[in-house]
Amino acid sequence: MNKRTVTIYPSSAKELEALGQRLKDARLRRRFSMETVCARADISRPTLYKVENGDPSVAMGIYVQVLRVLGMVEDLSLIAKEDVLGRRLQDESLPQRKRAPRKKAPAGDS
């Protein structure tokens, strides 16, 4: 069987590793064993090990299954919720209103 290698940027790898650690911490806080999470998520122990180490070759669906078991699947709605850059780019492309210069009032009018 082919072993799939995924190449990602170092900063992305750090984010995945941090996510894996957060998932592991959440599992331990709930006092779930690896076997319990594996059984409930229908994944193998090596796969959970990869998830908890932030391995980029693990499918997104596996992460979702683990989040569901941990009761954290709602956290997915927070991903890309605030698209600051996208909103800024969208706002920049909006048409800018241009107005004619104001007429100067005659010297005698107040």
PDB file of N, CA and C in Angstrom:
ATOM      1  N   MET A   1       0.837  -1.169   0.000  1.00  0.00           N
ATOM      2  CA  MET A   1       0.000   0.000   0.000  1.00  0.00           C
ATOM      3  C   MET A   1       0.890   1.242   0.000  1.00  0.00           C
ATOM      4  N   ASN A   2       0.470   2.258  -0.728  1.00  0.00           N
ATOM      5  CA  ASN A   2       1.205   3.516  -0.803  1.00  0.00           C
ATOM      6  C   ASN A   2       1.102   4.286   0.493  1.00  0.00           C
ATOM      7  N   LYS A   3       2.227   4.780   0.980  1.00  0.00           N
ATOM      8  CA  LYS A   3       2.179   5.674   2.133  1.00  0.00           C
ATOM      9  C   LYS A   3       2.101   7.097   1.596  1.00  0.00           C
ATOM     10  N   ARG A   4       1.115   7.812   2.041  1.00  0.00           N
ATOM     11  CA  ARG A   4       0.864   9.150   1.537  1.00  0.00           C
ATOM     12  C   ARG A   4       1.673  10.156   2.348  1.00  0.00           C
ATOM     13  N   THR A   5       2.442  10.977   1.659  1.00  0.00           N
ATOM     14  CA  THR A   5       3.167  12.040   2.330  1.00  0.00           C
ATOM     15  C   THR A   5       2.571  13.378   1.923  1.00  0.00           C
ATOM     16  N   VAL A   6       2.415  14.214   2.893  1.00  0.00           N
ATOM     17  CA  VAL A   6       1.840  15.523   2.654  1.00  0.00           C
ATOM     18  C   VAL A   6       2.870  16.561   3.063  1.00  0.00           C
ATOM     19  N   THR A   7       3.118  17.514   2.174  1.00  0.00           N
ATOM     20  CA  THR A   7       4.065  18.580   2.464  1.00  0.00           C
ATOM     21  C   THR A   7       3.282  19.851   2.752  1.00  0.00           C
ATOM     22  N   ILE A   8       3.538  20.434   3.921  1.00  0.00           N
ATOM     23  CA  ILE A   8       2.862  21.681   4.279  1.00  0.00           C
ATOM     24  C   ILE A   8       3.896  22.660   4.809  1.00  0.00           C
ATOM     25  N   TYR A   9       3.510  23.914   4.875  1.00  0.00           N
ATOM     26  CA  TYR A   9       4.394  24.944   5.399  1.00  0.00           C
ATOM     27  C   TYR A   9       4.662  24.705   6.877  1.00  0.00           C
ATOM     28  N   PRO A  10       5.832  25.102   7.359  1.00  0.00           N
ATOM     29  CA  PRO A  10       6.162  24.902   8.779  1.00  0.00           C
ATOM     30  C   PRO A  10       5.152  25.535   9.739  1.00  0.00           C
ATOM     31  N   SER A  11       4.662  26.710   9.413  1.00  0.00           N
ATOM     32  CA  SER A  11       3.693  27.358  10.303  1.00  0.00           C
ATOM     33  C   SER A  11       2.394  26.557  10.370  1.00  0.00           C
ATOM     34  N   SER A  12       1.993  25.966   9.246  1.00  0.00           N
ATOM     35  CA  SER A  12       0.791  25.124   9.221  1.00  0.00           C
ATOM     36  C   SER A  12       1.021  23.847  10.010  1.00  0.00           C
ATOM     37  N   ALA A  13       2.230  23.303   9.916  1.00  0.00           N
ATOM     38  CA  ALA A  13       2.563  22.093  10.674  1.00  0.00           C
ATOM     39  C   ALA A  13       2.475  22.380  12.177  1.00  0.00           C
ATOM     40  N   LYS A  14       2.944  23.553  12.594  1.00  0.00           N
ATOM     41  CA  LYS A  14       2.862  23.920  14.010  1.00  0.00           C
ATOM     42  C   LYS A  14       1.413  24.035  14.466  1.00  0.00           C
ATOM     43  N   GLU A  15       0.569  24.596  13.614  1.00  0.00           N
ATOM     44  CA  GLU A  15      -0.859  24.721  13.947  1.00  0.00           C
ATOM     45  C   GLU A  15      -1.501  23.347  14.103  1.00  0.00           C
ATOM     46  N   LEU A  16      -1.175  22.421  13.202  1.00  0.00           N
ATOM     47  CA  LEU A  16      -1.714  21.065  13.301  1.00  0.00           C
ATOM     48  C   LEU A  16      -1.225  20.361  14.561  1.00  0.00           C
ATOM     49  N   GLU A  17       0.044  20.545  14.886  1.00  0.00           N
ATOM     50  CA  GLU A  17       0.586  19.954  16.102  1.00  0.00           C
ATOM     51  C   GLU A  17      -0.117  20.517  17.334  1.00  0.00           C
ATOM     52  N   ALA A  18      -0.367  21.817  17.334  1.00  0.00           N
ATOM     53  CA  ALA A  18      -1.066  22.448  18.458  1.00  0.00           C
ATOM     54  C   ALA A  18      -2.496  21.926  18.565  1.00  0.00           C
ATOM     55  N   LEU A  19      -3.163  21.748  17.419  1.00  0.00           N
ATOM     56  CA  LEU A  19      -4.518  21.188  17.411  1.00  0.00           C
ATOM     57  C   LEU A  19      -4.503  19.779  17.992  1.00  0.00           C
ATOM     58  N   GLY A  20      -3.543  18.976  17.544  1.00  0.00           N
ATOM     59  CA  GLY A  20      -3.425  17.617  18.053  1.00  0.00           C
ATOM     60  C   GLY A  20      -3.230  17.600  19.560  1.00  0.00           C
ATOM     61  N   GLN A  21      -2.403  18.491  20.056  1.00  0.00           N
ATOM     62  CA  GLN A  21      -2.161  18.561  21.496  1.00  0.00           C
ATOM     63  C   GLN A  21      -3.421  18.983  22.241  1.00  0.00           C
ATOM     64  N   ARG A  22      -4.162  19.935  21.674  1.00  0.00           N
ATOM     65  CA  ARG A  22      -5.417  20.366  22.309  1.00  0.00           C
ATOM     66  C   ARG A  22      -6.423  19.216  22.359  1.00  0.00           C
ATOM     67  N   LEU A  23      -6.472  18.416  21.289  1.00  0.00           N
ATOM     68  CA  LEU A  23      -7.379  17.265  21.275  1.00  0.00           C
ATOM     69  C   LEU A  23      -6.953  16.223  22.307  1.00  0.00           C
ATOM     70  N   LYS A  24      -5.668  16.001  22.402  1.00  0.00           N
ATOM     71  CA  LYS A  24      -5.159  15.057  23.400  1.00  0.00           C
ATOM     72  C   LYS A  24      -5.481  15.548  24.811  1.00  0.00           C
ATOM     73  N   ASP A  25      -5.251  16.835  25.062  1.00  0.00           N
ATOM     74  CA  ASP A  25      -5.561  17.408  26.372  1.00  0.00           C
ATOM     75  C   ASP A  25      -7.052  17.265  26.690  1.00  0.00           C
ATOM     76  N   ALA A  26      -7.903  17.506  25.683  1.00  0.00           N
ATOM     77  CA  ALA A  26      -9.352  17.379  25.878  1.00  0.00           C
ATOM     78  C   ALA A  26      -9.710  15.929  26.210  1.00  0.00           C
ATOM     79  N   ARG A  27      -9.078  14.982  25.551  1.00  0.00           N
ATOM     80  CA  ARG A  27      -9.330  13.558  25.821  1.00  0.00           C
ATOM     81  C   ARG A  27      -8.930  13.217  27.251  1.00  0.00           C
ATOM     82  N   LEU A  28      -7.771  13.690  27.661  1.00  0.00           N
ATOM     83  CA  LEU A  28      -7.285  13.390  29.003  1.00  0.00           C
ATOM     84  C   LEU A  28      -8.134  14.064  30.083  1.00  0.00           C
ATOM     85  N   ARG A  29      -8.600  15.303  29.822  1.00  0.00           N
ATOM     86  CA  ARG A  29      -9.471  15.981  30.783  1.00  0.00           C
ATOM     87  C   ARG A  29     -10.774  15.209  30.985  1.00  0.00           C
ATOM     88  N   ARG A  30     -11.236  14.567  29.928  1.00  0.00           N
ATOM     89  CA  ARG A  30     -12.467  13.775  30.005  1.00  0.00           C
ATOM     90  C   ARG A  30     -12.207  12.368  30.550  1.00  0.00           C
ATOM     91  N   ARG A  31     -10.930  12.084  30.747  1.00  0.00           N
ATOM     92  CA  ARG A  31     -10.486  10.775  31.243  1.00  0.00           C
ATOM     93  C   ARG A  31     -10.916   9.640  30.325  1.00  0.00           C
ATOM     94  N   PHE A  32     -10.828   9.930  29.004  1.00  0.00           N
ATOM     95  CA  PHE A  32     -11.088   8.903  28.000  1.00  0.00           C
ATOM     96  C   PHE A  32      -9.768   8.249  27.634  1.00  0.00           C
ATOM     97  N   SER A  33      -9.762   6.944  27.570  1.00  0.00           N
ATOM     98  CA  SER A  33      -8.569   6.245  27.097  1.00  0.00           C
ATOM     99  C   SER A  33      -8.526   6.333  25.575  1.00  0.00           C
ATOM    100  N   MET A  34      -7.371   6.034  25.021  1.00  0.00           N
ATOM    101  CA  MET A  34      -7.258   6.023  23.561  1.00  0.00           C
ATOM    102  C   MET A  34      -8.223   4.978  22.991  1.00  0.00           C
ATOM    103  N   GLU A  35      -8.350   3.851  23.668  1.00  0.00           N
ATOM    104  CA  GLU A  35      -9.232   2.784  23.198  1.00  0.00           C
ATOM    105  C   GLU A  35     -10.685   3.251  23.142  1.00  0.00           C
ATOM    106  N   THR A  36     -11.104   4.010  24.148  1.00  0.00           N
ATOM    107  CA  THR A  36     -12.479   4.516  24.183  1.00  0.00           C
ATOM    108  C   THR A  36     -12.740   5.438  23.001  1.00  0.00           C
ATOM    109  N   VAL A  37     -11.838   6.383  22.779  1.00  0.00           N
ATOM    110  CA  VAL A  37     -12.013   7.330  21.665  1.00  0.00           C
ATOM    111  C   VAL A  37     -11.979   6.590  20.338  1.00  0.00           C
ATOM    112  N   CYS A  38     -11.053   5.650  20.207  1.00  0.00           N
ATOM    113  CA  CYS A  38     -10.951   4.883  18.960  1.00  0.00           C
ATOM    114  C   CYS A  38     -12.229   4.109  18.671  1.00  0.00           C
ATOM    115  N   ALA A  39     -12.776   3.474  19.697  1.00  0.00           N
ATOM    116  CA  ALA A  39     -14.001   2.694  19.513  1.00  0.00           C
ATOM    117  C   ALA A  39     -15.177   3.586  19.132  1.00  0.00           C
ATOM    118  N   ARG A  40     -15.318   4.710  19.825  1.00  0.00           N
ATOM    119  CA  ARG A  40     -16.448   5.610  19.560  1.00  0.00           C
ATOM    120  C   ARG A  40     -16.312   6.338  18.229  1.00  0.00           C
ATOM    121  N   ALA A  41     -15.079   6.631  17.815  1.00  0.00           N
ATOM    122  CA  ALA A  41     -14.849   7.339  16.542  1.00  0.00           C
ATOM    123  C   ALA A  41     -14.687   6.362  15.381  1.00  0.00           C
ATOM    124  N   ASP A  42     -14.626   5.062  15.688  1.00  0.00           N
ATOM    125  CA  ASP A  42     -14.441   4.013  14.683  1.00  0.00           C
ATOM    126  C   ASP A  42     -13.151   4.225  13.886  1.00  0.00           C
ATOM    127  N   ILE A  43     -12.064   4.452  14.634  1.00  0.00           N
ATOM    128  CA  ILE A  43     -10.743   4.614  14.025  1.00  0.00           C
ATOM    129  C   ILE A  43      -9.758   3.713  14.763  1.00  0.00           C
ATOM    130  N   SER A  44      -8.607   3.514  14.170  1.00  0.00           N
ATOM    131  CA  SER A  44      -7.586   2.682  14.807  1.00  0.00           C
ATOM    132  C   SER A  44      -6.757   3.518  15.786  1.00  0.00           C
ATOM    133  N   ARG A  45      -6.070   2.837  16.659  1.00  0.00           N
ATOM    134  CA  ARG A  45      -5.216   3.525  17.635  1.00  0.00           C
ATOM    135  C   ARG A  45      -4.084   4.293  16.941  1.00  0.00           C
ATOM    136  N   PRO A  46      -3.420   3.704  15.922  1.00  0.00           N
ATOM    137  CA  PRO A  46      -2.385   4.492  15.224  1.00  0.00           C
ATOM    138  C   PRO A  46      -2.936   5.771  14.581  1.00  0.00           C
ATOM    139  N   THR A  47      -4.186   5.725  14.125  1.00  0.00           N
ATOM    140  CA  THR A  47      -4.786   6.926  13.534  1.00  0.00           C
ATOM    141  C   THR A  47      -5.001   7.986  14.597  1.00  0.00           C
ATOM    142  N   LEU A  48      -5.500   7.592  15.767  1.00  0.00           N
ATOM    143  CA  LEU A  48      -5.676   8.563  16.850  1.00  0.00           C
ATOM    144  C   LEU A  48      -4.326   9.125  17.279  1.00  0.00           C
ATOM    145  N   TYR A  49      -3.321   8.290  17.305  1.00  0.00           N
ATOM    146  CA  TYR A  49      -1.976   8.742  17.640  1.00  0.00           C
ATOM    147  C   TYR A  49      -1.536   9.820  16.647  1.00  0.00           C
ATOM    148  N   LYS A  50      -1.813   9.598  15.360  1.00  0.00           N
ATOM    149  CA  LYS A  50      -1.462  10.593  14.337  1.00  0.00           C
ATOM    150  C   LYS A  50      -2.239  11.888  14.538  1.00  0.00           C
ATOM    151  N   VAL A  51      -3.525  11.766  14.865  1.00  0.00           N
ATOM    152  CA  VAL A  51      -4.349  12.951  15.104  1.00  0.00           C
ATOM    153  C   VAL A  51      -3.757  13.774  16.243  1.00  0.00           C
ATOM    154  N   GLU A  52      -3.416  13.092  17.338  1.00  0.00           N
ATOM    155  CA  GLU A  52      -2.908  13.792  18.510  1.00  0.00           C
ATOM    156  C   GLU A  52      -1.501  14.340  18.321  1.00  0.00           C
ATOM    157  N   ASN A  53      -0.845  13.920  17.255  1.00  0.00           N
ATOM    158  CA  ASN A  53       0.476  14.467  16.932  1.00  0.00           C
ATOM    159  C   ASN A  53       0.408  15.460  15.774  1.00  0.00           C
ATOM    160  N   GLY A  54      -0.791  15.718  15.259  1.00  0.00           N
ATOM    161  CA  GLY A  54      -0.966  16.702  14.193  1.00  0.00           C
ATOM    162  C   GLY A  54      -0.437  16.250  12.846  1.00  0.00           C
ATOM    163  N   ASP A  55      -0.536  14.970  12.567  1.00  0.00           N
ATOM    164  CA  ASP A  55      -0.063  14.438  11.284  1.00  0.00           C
ATOM    165  C   ASP A  55      -0.951  14.962  10.151  1.00  0.00           C
ATOM    166  N   PRO A  56      -0.360  15.654   9.156  1.00  0.00           N
ATOM    167  CA  PRO A  56      -1.165  16.240   8.080  1.00  0.00           C
ATOM    168  C   PRO A  56      -1.756  15.213   7.109  1.00  0.00           C
ATOM    169  N   SER A  57      -1.346  13.959   7.192  1.00  0.00           N
ATOM    170  CA  SER A  57      -1.893  12.960   6.271  1.00  0.00           C
ATOM    171  C   SER A  57      -3.247  12.426   6.728  1.00  0.00           C
ATOM    172  N   VAL A  58      -3.672  12.776   7.935  1.00  0.00           N
ATOM    173  CA  VAL A  58      -4.969  12.317   8.448  1.00  0.00           C
ATOM    174  C   VAL A  58      -6.079  13.150   7.806  1.00  0.00           C
ATOM    175  N   ALA A  59      -7.117  12.471   7.350  1.00  0.00           N
ATOM    176  CA  ALA A  59      -8.232  13.148   6.683  1.00  0.00           C
ATOM    177  C   ALA A  59      -9.002  14.032   7.655  1.00  0.00           C
ATOM    178  N   MET A  60      -9.538  15.098   7.137  1.00  0.00           N
ATOM    179  CA  MET A  60     -10.315  16.050   7.945  1.00  0.00           C
ATOM    180  C   MET A  60     -11.485  15.344   8.634  1.00  0.00           C
ATOM    181  N   GLY A  61     -12.077  14.378   7.960  1.00  0.00           N
ATOM    182  CA  GLY A  61     -13.203  13.652   8.532  1.00  0.00           C
ATOM    183  C   GLY A  61     -12.840  12.928   9.812  1.00  0.00           C
ATOM    184  N   ILE A  62     -11.623  12.464   9.917  1.00  0.00           N
ATOM    185  CA  ILE A  62     -11.173  11.786  11.129  1.00  0.00           C
ATOM    186  C   ILE A  62     -11.129  12.786  12.292  1.00  0.00           C
ATOM    187  N   TYR A  63     -10.607  13.987  12.010  1.00  0.00           N
ATOM    188  CA  TYR A  63     -10.590  15.020  13.038  1.00  0.00           C
ATOM    189  C   TYR A  63     -12.020  15.322  13.503  1.00  0.00           C
ATOM    190  N   VAL A  64     -12.970  15.367  12.568  1.00  0.00           N
ATOM    191  CA  VAL A  64     -14.371  15.631  12.909  1.00  0.00           C
ATOM    192  C   VAL A  64     -14.910  14.524  13.808  1.00  0.00           C
ATOM    193  N   GLN A  65     -14.594  13.268  13.487  1.00  0.00           N
ATOM    194  CA  GLN A  65     -15.058  12.154  14.306  1.00  0.00           C
ATOM    195  C   GLN A  65     -14.517  12.262  15.733  1.00  0.00           C
ATOM    196  N   VAL A  66     -13.249  12.604  15.876  1.00  0.00           N
ATOM    197  CA  VAL A  66     -12.646  12.743  17.201  1.00  0.00           C
ATOM    198  C   VAL A  66     -13.295  13.905  17.942  1.00  0.00           C
ATOM    199  N   LEU A  67     -13.512  15.024  17.265  1.00  0.00           N
ATOM    200  CA  LEU A  67     -14.190  16.162  17.891  1.00  0.00           C
ATOM    201  C   LEU A  67     -15.590  15.770  18.367  1.00  0.00           C
ATOM    202  N   ARG A  68     -16.295  14.981  17.571  1.00  0.00           N
ATOM    203  CA  ARG A  68     -17.636  14.541  17.952  1.00  0.00           C
ATOM    204  C   ARG A  68     -17.591  13.715  19.224  1.00  0.00           C
ATOM    205  N   VAL A  69     -16.652  12.771  19.293  1.00  0.00           N
ATOM    206  CA  VAL A  69     -16.518  11.931  20.483  1.00  0.00           C
ATOM    207  C   VAL A  69     -16.217  12.771  21.713  1.00  0.00           C
ATOM    208  N   LEU A  70     -15.420  13.806  21.548  1.00  0.00           N
ATOM    209  CA  LEU A  70     -15.044  14.669  22.667  1.00  0.00           C
ATOM    210  C   LEU A  70     -16.114  15.712  22.995  1.00  0.00           C
ATOM    211  N   GLY A  71     -17.179  15.747  22.193  1.00  0.00           N
ATOM    212  CA  GLY A  71     -18.242  16.721  22.417  1.00  0.00           C
ATOM    213  C   GLY A  71     -17.859  18.120  22.005  1.00  0.00           C
ATOM    214  N   MET A  72     -16.987  18.227  21.024  1.00  0.00           N
ATOM    215  CA  MET A  72     -16.472  19.531  20.604  1.00  0.00           C
ATOM    216  C   MET A  72     -16.741  19.834  19.135  1.00  0.00           C
ATOM    217  N   VAL A  73     -17.638  19.098  18.506  1.00  0.00           N
ATOM    218  CA  VAL A  73     -17.846  19.276  17.072  1.00  0.00           C
ATOM    219  C   VAL A  73     -18.378  20.674  16.736  1.00  0.00           C
ATOM    220  N   GLU A  74     -19.042  21.324  17.705  1.00  0.00           N
ATOM    221  CA  GLU A  74     -19.561  22.682  17.466  1.00  0.00           C
ATOM    222  C   GLU A  74     -18.425  23.666  17.214  1.00  0.00           C
ATOM    223  N   ASP A  75     -17.231  23.345  17.702  1.00  0.00           N
ATOM    224  CA  ASP A  75     -16.082  24.231  17.506  1.00  0.00           C
ATOM    225  C   ASP A  75     -15.716  24.392  16.033  1.00  0.00           C
ATOM    226  N   LEU A  76     -16.178  23.475  15.195  1.00  0.00           N
ATOM    227  CA  LEU A  76     -15.894  23.593  13.761  1.00  0.00           C
ATOM    228  C   LEU A  76     -16.510  24.849  13.168  1.00  0.00           C
ATOM    229  N   SER A  77     -17.606  25.312  13.752  1.00  0.00           N
ATOM    230  CA  SER A  77     -18.253  26.516  13.222  1.00  0.00           C
ATOM    231  C   SER A  77     -17.407  27.762  13.449  1.00  0.00           C
ATOM    232  N   LEU A  78     -16.384  27.659  14.294  1.00  0.00           N
ATOM    233  CA  LEU A  78     -15.505  28.802  14.551  1.00  0.00           C
ATOM    234  C   LEU A  78     -14.401  28.938  13.507  1.00  0.00           C
ATOM    235  N   ILE A  79     -14.161  27.869  12.746  1.00  0.00           N
ATOM    236  CA  ILE A  79     -13.097  27.901  11.739  1.00  0.00           C
ATOM    237  C   ILE A  79     -13.513  28.846  10.618  1.00  0.00           C
ATOM    238  N   ALA A  80     -12.667  29.793  10.320  1.00  0.00           N
ATOM    239  CA  ALA A  80     -12.860  30.772   9.245  1.00  0.00           C
ATOM    240  C   ALA A  80     -14.145  31.583   9.420  1.00  0.00           C
ATOM    241  N   LYS A  81     -14.608  31.723  10.654  1.00  0.00           N
ATOM    242  CA  LYS A  81     -15.823  32.493  10.909  1.00  0.00           C
ATOM    243  C   LYS A  81     -15.602  33.974  10.631  1.00  0.00           C
ATOM    244  N   GLU A  82     -14.524  34.493  11.133  1.00  0.00           N
ATOM    245  CA  GLU A  82     -14.193  35.899  10.932  1.00  0.00           C
ATOM    246  C   GLU A  82     -13.162  36.009   9.809  1.00  0.00           C
ATOM    247  N   ASP A  83     -13.612  36.347   8.634  1.00  0.00           N
ATOM    248  CA  ASP A  83     -12.728  36.468   7.471  1.00  0.00           C
ATOM    249  C   ASP A  83     -12.323  37.927   7.306  1.00  0.00           C
ATOM    250  N   VAL A  84     -11.415  38.373   8.158  1.00  0.00           N
ATOM    251  CA  VAL A  84     -11.010  39.776   8.186  1.00  0.00           C
ATOM    252  C   VAL A  84     -10.412  40.197   6.845  1.00  0.00           C
ATOM    253  N   LEU A  85      -9.485  39.422   6.325  1.00  0.00           N
ATOM    254  CA  LEU A  85      -8.846  39.774   5.053  1.00  0.00           C
ATOM    255  C   LEU A  85      -9.865  39.796   3.916  1.00  0.00           C
ATOM    256  N   GLY A  86     -10.711  38.789   3.848  1.00  0.00           N
ATOM    257  CA  GLY A  86     -11.728  38.728   2.792  1.00  0.00           C
ATOM    258  C   GLY A  86     -12.675  39.905   2.838  1.00  0.00           C
ATOM    259  N   ARG A  87     -13.081  40.281   4.040  1.00  0.00           N
ATOM    260  CA  ARG A  87     -13.980  41.439   4.182  1.00  0.00           C
ATOM    261  C   ARG A  87     -13.290  42.724   3.739  1.00  0.00           C
ATOM    262  N   ARG A  88     -12.017  42.866   4.106  1.00  0.00           N
ATOM    263  CA  ARG A  88     -11.270  44.065   3.713  1.00  0.00           C
ATOM    264  C   ARG A  88     -11.151  44.133   2.188  1.00  0.00           C
ATOM    265  N   LEU A  89     -10.848  42.990   1.570  1.00  0.00           N
ATOM    266  CA  LEU A  89     -10.742  42.965   0.108  1.00  0.00           C
ATOM    267  C   LEU A  89     -12.086  43.275  -0.543  1.00  0.00           C
ATOM    268  N   GLN A  90     -13.157  42.745   0.037  1.00  0.00           N
ATOM    269  CA  GLN A  90     -14.491  43.007  -0.489  1.00  0.00           C
ATOM    270  C   GLN A  90     -14.829  44.490  -0.366  1.00  0.00           C
ATOM    271  N   ASP A  91     -14.517  45.087   0.779  1.00  0.00           N
ATOM    272  CA  ASP A  91     -14.816  46.500   0.988  1.00  0.00           C
ATOM    273  C   ASP A  91     -14.034  47.393   0.038  1.00  0.00           C
ATOM    274  N   GLU A  92     -12.795  47.004  -0.249  1.00  0.00           N
ATOM    275  CA  GLU A  92     -11.977  47.801  -1.168  1.00  0.00           C
ATOM    276  C   GLU A  92     -12.530  47.784  -2.589  1.00  0.00           C
ATOM    277  N   SER A  93     -13.230  46.713  -2.946  1.00  0.00           N
ATOM    278  CA  SER A  93     -13.743  46.622  -4.313  1.00  0.00           C
ATOM    279  C   SER A  93     -15.106  47.294  -4.477  1.00  0.00           C
ATOM    280  N   LEU A  94     -15.690  47.762  -3.375  1.00  0.00           N
ATOM    281  CA  LEU A  94     -16.975  48.456  -3.469  1.00  0.00           C
ATOM    282  C   LEU A  94     -16.771  49.799  -4.163  1.00  0.00           C
ATOM    283  N   PRO A  95     -17.760  50.209  -4.957  1.00  0.00           N
ATOM    284  CA  PRO A  95     -17.613  51.502  -5.639  1.00  0.00           C
ATOM    285  C   PRO A  95     -17.590  52.645  -4.633  1.00  0.00           C
ATOM    286  N   GLN A  96     -16.741  53.597  -4.888  1.00  0.00           N
ATOM    287  CA  GLN A  96     -16.631  54.775  -4.032  1.00  0.00           C
ATOM    288  C   GLN A  96     -17.455  55.894  -4.654  1.00  0.00           C
ATOM    289  N   ARG A  97     -18.316  56.473  -3.863  1.00  0.00           N
ATOM    290  CA  ARG A  97     -19.122  57.577  -4.375  1.00  0.00           C
ATOM    291  C   ARG A  97     -18.245  58.802  -4.542  1.00  0.00           C
ATOM    292  N   LYS A  98     -18.453  59.472  -5.640  1.00  0.00           N
ATOM    293  CA  LYS A  98     -17.737  60.720  -5.870  1.00  0.00           C
ATOM    294  C   LYS A  98     -18.772  61.821  -6.010  1.00  0.00           C
ATOM    295  N   ARG A  99     -18.538  62.886  -5.305  1.00  0.00           N
ATOM    296  CA  ARG A  99     -19.471  64.005  -5.334  1.00  0.00           C
ATOM    297  C   ARG A  99     -18.819  65.196  -6.012  1.00  0.00           C
ATOM    298  N   ALA A 100     -19.659  66.000  -6.574  1.00  0.00           N
ATOM    299  CA  ALA A 100     -19.175  67.236  -7.180  1.00  0.00           C
ATOM    300  C   ALA A 100     -18.741  68.179  -6.057  1.00  0.00           C
ATOM    301  N   PRO A 101     -17.743  69.000  -6.316  1.00  0.00           N
ATOM    302  CA  PRO A 101     -17.311  69.944  -5.283  1.00  0.00           C
ATOM    303  C   PRO A 101     -18.436  70.911  -4.940  1.00  0.00           C
ATOM    304  N   ARG A 102     -18.462  71.343  -3.688  1.00  0.00           N
ATOM    305  CA  ARG A 102     -19.483  72.282  -3.237  1.00  0.00           C
ATOM    306  C   ARG A 102     -19.298  73.616  -3.910  1.00  0.00           C
ATOM    307  N   LYS A 103     -20.417  74.222  -4.200  1.00  0.00           N
ATOM    308  CA  LYS A 103     -20.366  75.582  -4.764  1.00  0.00           C
ATOM    309  C   LYS A 103     -20.090  76.556  -3.639  1.00  0.00           C
ATOM    310  N   LYS A 104     -19.285  77.505  -3.928  1.00  0.00           N
ATOM    311  CA  LYS A 104     -19.002  78.535  -2.928  1.00  0.00           C
ATOM    312  C   LYS A 104     -20.167  79.506  -2.890  1.00  0.00           C
ATOM    313  N   ALA A 105     -20.570  79.871  -1.693  1.00  0.00           N
ATOM    314  CA  ALA A 105     -21.680  80.808  -1.513  1.00  0.00           C
ATOM    315  C   ALA A 105     -21.187  82.217  -1.876  1.00  0.00           C
ATOM    316  N   PRO A 106     -22.077  83.051  -2.451  1.00  0.00           N
ATOM    317  CA  PRO A 106     -21.681  84.439  -2.725  1.00  0.00           C
ATOM    318  C   PRO A 106     -21.292  85.145  -1.437  1.00  0.00           C
ATOM    319  N   ALA A 107     -20.453  86.140  -1.540  1.00  0.00           N
ATOM    320  CA  ALA A 107     -19.883  86.850  -0.372  1.00  0.00           C
ATOM    321  C   ALA A 107     -20.956  87.461   0.510  1.00  0.00           C
ATOM    322  N   GLY A 108     -22.108  87.859   0.021  1.00  0.00           N
ATOM    323  CA  GLY A 108     -23.128  88.545   0.817  1.00  0.00           C
ATOM    324  C   GLY A 108     -24.035  87.575   1.568  1.00  0.00           C
ATOM    325  N   ASP A 109     -24.078  86.305   1.256  1.00  0.00           N
ATOM    326  CA  ASP A 109     -24.992  85.351   1.912  1.00  0.00           C
ATOM    327  C   ASP A 109     -24.377  84.840   3.209  1.00  0.00           C
ATOM    328  N   SER A 110     -25.253  84.640   4.212  1.00  0.00           N
ATOM    329  CA  SER A 110     -24.791  84.067   5.466  1.00  0.00           C
ATOM    330  C   SER A 110     -25.424  82.743   5.694  1.00  0.00           C
TER     331      SER A 110
END
